[in-house]
């Protein structure tokens, strides 16, 4: 059995997918980009602003599912350029207090809507 998670506090899916799905205590969240859910507009001012928007969107999905950052066990960060790694890493890390999740970070040729960072997460609450 699975539970579909959708919240108006995070960007609506731009394709045939859900913001997140809960199955057997695991929360699988689709990748988040820097879309401001209130305006529907991209927040691409600086990589710092963009990363904060992505993390706020992840937080909104977590809250809707009754999870938090401490429940995250795995993340994947997609970057448009590895030169952005240090700045994204600093912002990303500030959202965790301890027990950092497993993670990989990869540079890709392109991301949806021309963004510079996309982050997906898997969380567990058992």
N, C-alpha and C. Protein backbone atom coordinates (compact mmCIF):
# COMPACT_ATOMS: atom_id res chain seq x y z
N UNK A 1 0.84 -1.18 0.00
CA UNK A 1 0.00 0.00 0.00
C UNK A 1 0.88 1.24 0.00
N UNK A 2 0.45 2.25 -0.73
CA UNK A 2 1.20 3.49 -0.77
C UNK A 2 0.27 4.68 -0.56
N UNK A 3 0.86 5.75 -0.05
CA UNK A 3 0.14 6.98 0.20
C UNK A 3 0.79 8.08 -0.63
N UNK A 4 -0.01 8.79 -1.40
CA UNK A 4 0.49 9.88 -2.23
C UNK A 4 0.48 11.16 -1.40
N UNK A 5 1.59 11.89 -1.47
CA UNK A 5 1.74 13.16 -0.74
C UNK A 5 1.76 14.31 -1.74
N UNK A 6 0.89 15.27 -1.53
CA UNK A 6 0.88 16.50 -2.32
C UNK A 6 0.55 17.66 -1.39
N UNK A 7 1.26 18.76 -1.56
CA UNK A 7 1.00 19.96 -0.77
C UNK A 7 1.06 21.18 -1.67
N UNK A 8 0.24 22.17 -1.36
CA UNK A 8 0.29 23.44 -2.08
C UNK A 8 1.48 24.28 -1.65
N UNK A 9 2.18 23.85 -0.59
CA UNK A 9 3.34 24.59 -0.07
C UNK A 9 4.64 24.23 -0.77
N UNK A 10 4.55 23.35 -1.76
CA UNK A 10 5.69 23.00 -2.61
C UNK A 10 5.18 23.07 -4.06
N UNK A 11 6.08 23.22 -5.02
CA UNK A 11 5.64 23.33 -6.41
C UNK A 11 4.83 22.11 -6.85
N UNK A 12 3.80 22.36 -7.62
CA UNK A 12 3.01 21.27 -8.20
C UNK A 12 3.87 20.51 -9.20
N UNK A 13 3.67 19.21 -9.32
CA UNK A 13 4.41 18.44 -10.31
C UNK A 13 4.21 19.01 -11.72
N UNK A 14 5.26 18.98 -12.52
CA UNK A 14 5.18 19.49 -13.89
C UNK A 14 5.11 18.33 -14.89
N UNK A 15 4.72 17.17 -14.40
CA UNK A 15 4.60 15.98 -15.24
C UNK A 15 3.78 14.94 -14.54
N UNK A 16 3.75 13.73 -15.08
CA UNK A 16 2.95 12.66 -14.48
C UNK A 16 3.66 11.97 -13.31
N UNK A 17 3.77 12.68 -12.20
CA UNK A 17 4.40 12.15 -11.00
C UNK A 17 3.83 12.86 -9.78
N UNK A 18 4.06 12.29 -8.61
CA UNK A 18 3.61 12.88 -7.35
C UNK A 18 4.78 13.59 -6.68
N UNK A 19 4.48 14.53 -5.80
CA UNK A 19 5.55 15.18 -5.04
C UNK A 19 6.29 14.15 -4.20
N UNK A 20 5.54 13.20 -3.62
CA UNK A 20 6.16 12.16 -2.81
C UNK A 20 5.19 11.00 -2.64
N UNK A 21 5.76 9.86 -2.27
CA UNK A 21 4.98 8.66 -2.00
C UNK A 21 5.53 8.03 -0.73
N UNK A 22 4.63 7.61 0.17
CA UNK A 22 5.02 6.87 1.36
C UNK A 22 4.68 5.41 1.13
N UNK A 23 5.64 4.53 1.40
CA UNK A 23 5.43 3.08 1.32
C UNK A 23 6.24 2.41 2.41
N UNK A 24 5.58 1.65 3.27
CA UNK A 24 6.25 0.90 4.34
C UNK A 24 7.19 1.76 5.20
N UNK A 25 6.77 2.95 5.53
CA UNK A 25 7.56 3.83 6.38
C UNK A 25 8.58 4.67 5.64
N UNK A 26 8.79 4.39 4.35
CA UNK A 26 9.72 5.17 3.53
C UNK A 26 8.97 6.27 2.81
N UNK A 27 9.56 7.44 2.77
CA UNK A 27 9.05 8.56 1.99
C UNK A 27 10.00 8.77 0.83
N UNK A 28 9.49 8.61 -0.38
CA UNK A 28 10.27 8.83 -1.59
C UNK A 28 9.79 10.13 -2.21
N UNK A 29 10.61 11.16 -2.17
CA UNK A 29 10.21 12.47 -2.68
C UNK A 29 10.85 12.73 -4.03
N UNK A 30 10.05 13.20 -4.95
CA UNK A 30 10.55 13.58 -6.27
C UNK A 30 11.52 14.74 -6.14
N UNK A 31 12.38 14.89 -7.13
CA UNK A 31 13.34 15.98 -7.12
C UNK A 31 12.66 17.34 -7.04
N UNK A 32 13.22 18.21 -6.23
CA UNK A 32 12.71 19.57 -6.10
C UNK A 32 13.67 20.55 -6.76
N UNK A 33 13.09 21.51 -7.44
CA UNK A 33 13.86 22.59 -8.03
C UNK A 33 13.39 23.90 -7.41
N UNK A 34 13.99 25.00 -7.81
CA UNK A 34 13.75 26.29 -7.16
C UNK A 34 12.53 27.02 -7.70
N UNK A 35 11.39 26.36 -7.68
CA UNK A 35 10.14 27.03 -8.03
C UNK A 35 9.49 27.51 -6.74
N UNK A 36 9.15 28.79 -6.70
CA UNK A 36 8.43 29.34 -5.56
C UNK A 36 6.98 28.88 -5.68
N UNK A 37 6.48 28.09 -4.72
CA UNK A 37 5.12 27.56 -4.85
C UNK A 37 4.03 28.63 -4.80
N UNK A 38 4.31 29.77 -4.21
CA UNK A 38 3.30 30.84 -4.13
C UNK A 38 3.10 31.53 -5.47
N UNK A 39 4.21 31.78 -6.17
CA UNK A 39 4.13 32.49 -7.44
C UNK A 39 4.18 31.56 -8.65
N UNK A 40 4.72 30.36 -8.46
CA UNK A 40 4.92 29.45 -9.59
C UNK A 40 6.12 29.82 -10.43
N UNK A 41 6.87 30.83 -9.98
CA UNK A 41 8.03 31.31 -10.73
C UNK A 41 9.32 30.69 -10.21
N UNK A 42 10.31 30.58 -11.08
CA UNK A 42 11.63 30.10 -10.68
C UNK A 42 12.33 31.14 -9.83
N UNK A 43 13.09 30.68 -8.84
CA UNK A 43 13.89 31.55 -7.98
C UNK A 43 15.35 31.28 -8.32
N UNK A 44 15.85 31.95 -9.35
CA UNK A 44 17.20 31.69 -9.84
C UNK A 44 18.14 32.86 -9.63
N UNK A 45 17.89 33.70 -8.62
CA UNK A 45 18.73 34.87 -8.38
C UNK A 45 20.20 34.52 -8.24
N UNK A 46 20.55 33.76 -7.21
CA UNK A 46 21.92 33.28 -7.00
C UNK A 46 21.82 31.80 -6.66
N UNK A 47 22.92 31.09 -6.70
CA UNK A 47 22.89 29.67 -6.35
C UNK A 47 22.50 29.50 -4.88
N UNK A 48 22.85 30.46 -4.04
CA UNK A 48 22.44 30.40 -2.64
C UNK A 48 20.92 30.49 -2.52
N UNK A 49 20.32 31.47 -3.19
CA UNK A 49 18.86 31.62 -3.17
C UNK A 49 18.18 30.40 -3.77
N UNK A 50 18.73 29.92 -4.86
CA UNK A 50 18.15 28.76 -5.55
C UNK A 50 18.17 27.53 -4.63
N UNK A 51 19.29 27.30 -3.96
CA UNK A 51 19.41 26.13 -3.08
C UNK A 51 18.48 26.25 -1.88
N UNK A 52 18.39 27.44 -1.29
CA UNK A 52 17.46 27.64 -0.17
C UNK A 52 16.02 27.35 -0.61
N UNK A 53 15.64 27.77 -1.81
CA UNK A 53 14.28 27.51 -2.30
C UNK A 53 14.04 26.01 -2.46
N UNK A 54 15.02 25.30 -2.99
CA UNK A 54 14.91 23.85 -3.12
C UNK A 54 14.71 23.21 -1.75
N UNK A 55 15.51 23.62 -0.78
CA UNK A 55 15.42 23.04 0.56
C UNK A 55 14.09 23.40 1.24
N UNK A 56 13.58 24.61 1.01
CA UNK A 56 12.26 24.98 1.55
C UNK A 56 11.16 24.11 0.93
N UNK A 57 11.31 23.81 -0.36
CA UNK A 57 10.33 22.95 -1.03
C UNK A 57 10.38 21.53 -0.46
N UNK A 58 11.58 21.03 -0.20
CA UNK A 58 11.73 19.71 0.42
C UNK A 58 11.08 19.73 1.81
N UNK A 59 11.34 20.78 2.56
CA UNK A 59 10.76 20.89 3.90
C UNK A 59 9.24 20.86 3.85
N UNK A 60 8.64 21.54 2.89
CA UNK A 60 7.18 21.56 2.75
C UNK A 60 6.62 20.16 2.50
N UNK A 61 7.30 19.39 1.66
CA UNK A 61 6.86 18.02 1.39
C UNK A 61 7.01 17.17 2.65
N UNK A 62 8.14 17.33 3.35
CA UNK A 62 8.35 16.58 4.59
C UNK A 62 7.25 16.89 5.61
N UNK A 63 6.94 18.15 5.79
CA UNK A 63 5.92 18.56 6.75
C UNK A 63 4.57 17.96 6.39
N UNK A 64 4.21 18.02 5.12
CA UNK A 64 2.92 17.46 4.67
C UNK A 64 2.82 15.97 4.98
N UNK A 65 3.97 15.27 4.89
CA UNK A 65 4.00 13.83 5.14
C UNK A 65 4.21 13.50 6.61
N UNK A 66 4.39 14.52 7.47
CA UNK A 66 4.68 14.35 8.89
C UNK A 66 6.06 13.72 9.12
N UNK A 67 7.03 14.13 8.33
CA UNK A 67 8.43 13.75 8.47
C UNK A 67 9.22 15.04 8.68
N UNK A 68 10.51 14.92 8.99
CA UNK A 68 11.37 16.09 9.06
C UNK A 68 12.76 15.72 8.54
N UNK A 69 13.67 16.69 8.55
CA UNK A 69 15.00 16.47 7.98
C UNK A 69 15.75 15.34 8.67
N UNK A 70 15.48 15.11 9.95
CA UNK A 70 16.16 14.03 10.67
C UNK A 70 15.74 12.64 10.18
N UNK A 71 14.62 12.56 9.47
CA UNK A 71 14.17 11.28 8.92
C UNK A 71 14.80 10.96 7.57
N UNK A 72 15.48 11.92 6.96
CA UNK A 72 16.07 11.69 5.64
C UNK A 72 17.25 10.74 5.76
N UNK A 73 17.22 9.67 4.96
CA UNK A 73 18.29 8.68 4.98
C UNK A 73 19.17 8.74 3.72
N UNK A 74 18.65 9.36 2.65
CA UNK A 74 19.42 9.39 1.38
C UNK A 74 18.99 10.59 0.57
N UNK A 75 19.95 11.26 -0.02
CA UNK A 75 19.65 12.35 -0.95
C UNK A 75 20.47 12.19 -2.22
N UNK A 76 19.97 12.77 -3.26
CA UNK A 76 20.72 12.89 -4.51
C UNK A 76 20.66 14.34 -4.93
N UNK A 77 21.83 14.91 -5.17
CA UNK A 77 21.91 16.30 -5.63
C UNK A 77 22.39 16.28 -7.08
N UNK A 78 21.64 16.94 -7.93
CA UNK A 78 22.01 17.10 -9.33
C UNK A 78 22.40 18.55 -9.54
N UNK A 79 23.58 18.78 -10.10
CA UNK A 79 24.07 20.13 -10.35
C UNK A 79 24.30 20.34 -11.85
N UNK A 80 24.09 21.56 -12.30
CA UNK A 80 24.38 21.90 -13.69
C UNK A 80 25.89 22.04 -13.93
N UNK A 81 26.64 22.26 -12.82
CA UNK A 81 28.09 22.46 -12.91
C UNK A 81 28.71 22.14 -11.55
N UNK A 82 29.72 21.28 -11.53
CA UNK A 82 30.37 20.93 -10.26
C UNK A 82 31.03 22.12 -9.58
N UNK A 83 31.24 23.20 -10.31
CA UNK A 83 31.81 24.41 -9.70
C UNK A 83 30.86 24.99 -8.65
N UNK A 84 29.60 24.58 -8.67
CA UNK A 84 28.61 25.05 -7.70
C UNK A 84 28.61 24.22 -6.43
N UNK A 85 29.38 23.14 -6.40
CA UNK A 85 29.32 22.16 -5.31
C UNK A 85 29.51 22.79 -3.93
N UNK A 86 30.56 23.57 -3.72
CA UNK A 86 30.87 24.09 -2.39
C UNK A 86 29.73 24.94 -1.84
N UNK A 87 29.20 25.82 -2.64
CA UNK A 87 28.13 26.70 -2.17
C UNK A 87 26.84 25.93 -1.89
N UNK A 88 26.48 25.02 -2.79
CA UNK A 88 25.28 24.20 -2.58
C UNK A 88 25.47 23.34 -1.34
N UNK A 89 26.64 22.74 -1.19
CA UNK A 89 26.93 21.87 -0.06
C UNK A 89 26.78 22.62 1.27
N UNK A 90 27.24 23.86 1.32
CA UNK A 90 27.14 24.65 2.55
C UNK A 90 25.68 24.91 2.92
N UNK A 91 24.88 25.31 1.95
CA UNK A 91 23.46 25.59 2.21
C UNK A 91 22.74 24.29 2.59
N UNK A 92 22.95 23.25 1.80
CA UNK A 92 22.33 21.94 2.06
C UNK A 92 22.65 21.49 3.49
N UNK A 93 23.90 21.54 3.88
CA UNK A 93 24.31 21.08 5.21
C UNK A 93 23.68 21.85 6.34
N UNK A 94 23.32 23.10 6.11
CA UNK A 94 22.74 23.92 7.17
C UNK A 94 21.32 23.48 7.55
N UNK A 95 20.71 22.64 6.77
CA UNK A 95 19.36 22.16 7.06
C UNK A 95 19.35 20.89 7.92
N UNK A 96 20.53 20.36 8.21
CA UNK A 96 20.63 19.15 9.02
C UNK A 96 21.36 19.47 10.32
N UNK A 97 20.90 18.89 11.43
CA UNK A 97 21.55 19.13 12.72
C UNK A 97 22.61 18.08 13.02
N UNK A 98 22.36 16.85 12.67
CA UNK A 98 23.30 15.77 12.92
C UNK A 98 22.89 14.56 12.09
N UNK A 99 23.66 13.52 12.17
CA UNK A 99 23.35 12.27 11.47
C UNK A 99 22.99 12.54 10.01
N UNK A 100 23.94 13.11 9.28
CA UNK A 100 23.71 13.43 7.87
C UNK A 100 23.31 12.19 7.08
N UNK A 101 22.42 12.36 6.10
CA UNK A 101 22.02 11.21 5.28
C UNK A 101 23.13 10.81 4.31
N UNK A 102 23.01 9.61 3.77
CA UNK A 102 23.88 9.20 2.67
C UNK A 102 23.54 10.09 1.48
N UNK A 103 24.51 10.28 0.57
CA UNK A 103 24.28 11.22 -0.52
C UNK A 103 25.23 10.97 -1.67
N UNK A 104 24.76 11.30 -2.86
CA UNK A 104 25.67 11.48 -3.98
C UNK A 104 25.34 12.80 -4.64
N UNK A 105 26.34 13.37 -5.26
CA UNK A 105 26.17 14.62 -6.00
C UNK A 105 26.75 14.40 -7.38
N UNK A 106 25.96 14.71 -8.39
CA UNK A 106 26.41 14.50 -9.76
C UNK A 106 26.15 15.75 -10.59
N UNK A 107 27.03 15.99 -11.53
CA UNK A 107 26.83 17.06 -12.50
C UNK A 107 26.15 16.44 -13.72
N UNK A 108 25.16 17.13 -14.23
CA UNK A 108 24.41 16.63 -15.37
C UNK A 108 24.42 17.66 -16.49
N UNK A 109 24.10 17.21 -17.67
CA UNK A 109 24.11 18.10 -18.83
C UNK A 109 23.03 19.17 -18.76
N UNK A 110 21.89 18.82 -18.21
CA UNK A 110 20.80 19.78 -18.12
C UNK A 110 19.79 19.36 -17.07
N UNK A 111 19.07 20.33 -16.53
CA UNK A 111 18.04 20.08 -15.53
C UNK A 111 16.74 20.76 -15.98
N UNK A 112 15.60 20.31 -15.45
CA UNK A 112 14.33 20.90 -15.86
C UNK A 112 14.30 22.43 -15.70
N UNK A 113 13.72 23.09 -16.68
CA UNK A 113 13.53 24.54 -16.65
C UNK A 113 14.84 25.33 -16.56
N UNK A 114 15.97 24.68 -16.86
CA UNK A 114 17.25 25.38 -16.85
C UNK A 114 17.78 25.72 -15.47
N UNK A 115 17.31 25.02 -14.44
CA UNK A 115 17.79 25.29 -13.08
C UNK A 115 19.21 24.78 -12.91
N UNK A 116 19.84 25.18 -11.81
CA UNK A 116 21.22 24.78 -11.53
C UNK A 116 21.33 23.65 -10.52
N UNK A 117 20.26 23.42 -9.74
CA UNK A 117 20.29 22.38 -8.70
C UNK A 117 18.91 21.75 -8.57
N UNK A 118 18.92 20.42 -8.42
CA UNK A 118 17.73 19.65 -8.12
C UNK A 118 18.13 18.64 -7.05
N UNK A 119 17.26 18.47 -6.05
CA UNK A 119 17.56 17.53 -4.97
C UNK A 119 16.36 16.63 -4.74
N UNK A 120 16.63 15.32 -4.68
CA UNK A 120 15.60 14.35 -4.30
C UNK A 120 16.00 13.70 -2.99
N UNK A 121 15.00 13.22 -2.26
CA UNK A 121 15.29 12.61 -0.95
C UNK A 121 14.48 11.33 -0.74
N UNK A 122 15.05 10.49 0.12
CA UNK A 122 14.34 9.34 0.66
C UNK A 122 14.44 9.46 2.18
N UNK A 123 13.29 9.33 2.84
CA UNK A 123 13.26 9.42 4.30
C UNK A 123 12.61 8.15 4.85
N UNK A 124 12.89 7.88 6.12
CA UNK A 124 12.32 6.70 6.76
C UNK A 124 11.85 7.02 8.16
N UNK A 125 10.67 6.54 8.47
CA UNK A 125 10.14 6.68 9.83
C UNK A 125 9.50 5.34 10.16
N UNK A 126 10.11 4.61 11.09
CA UNK A 126 9.59 3.28 11.37
C UNK A 126 9.31 3.05 12.83
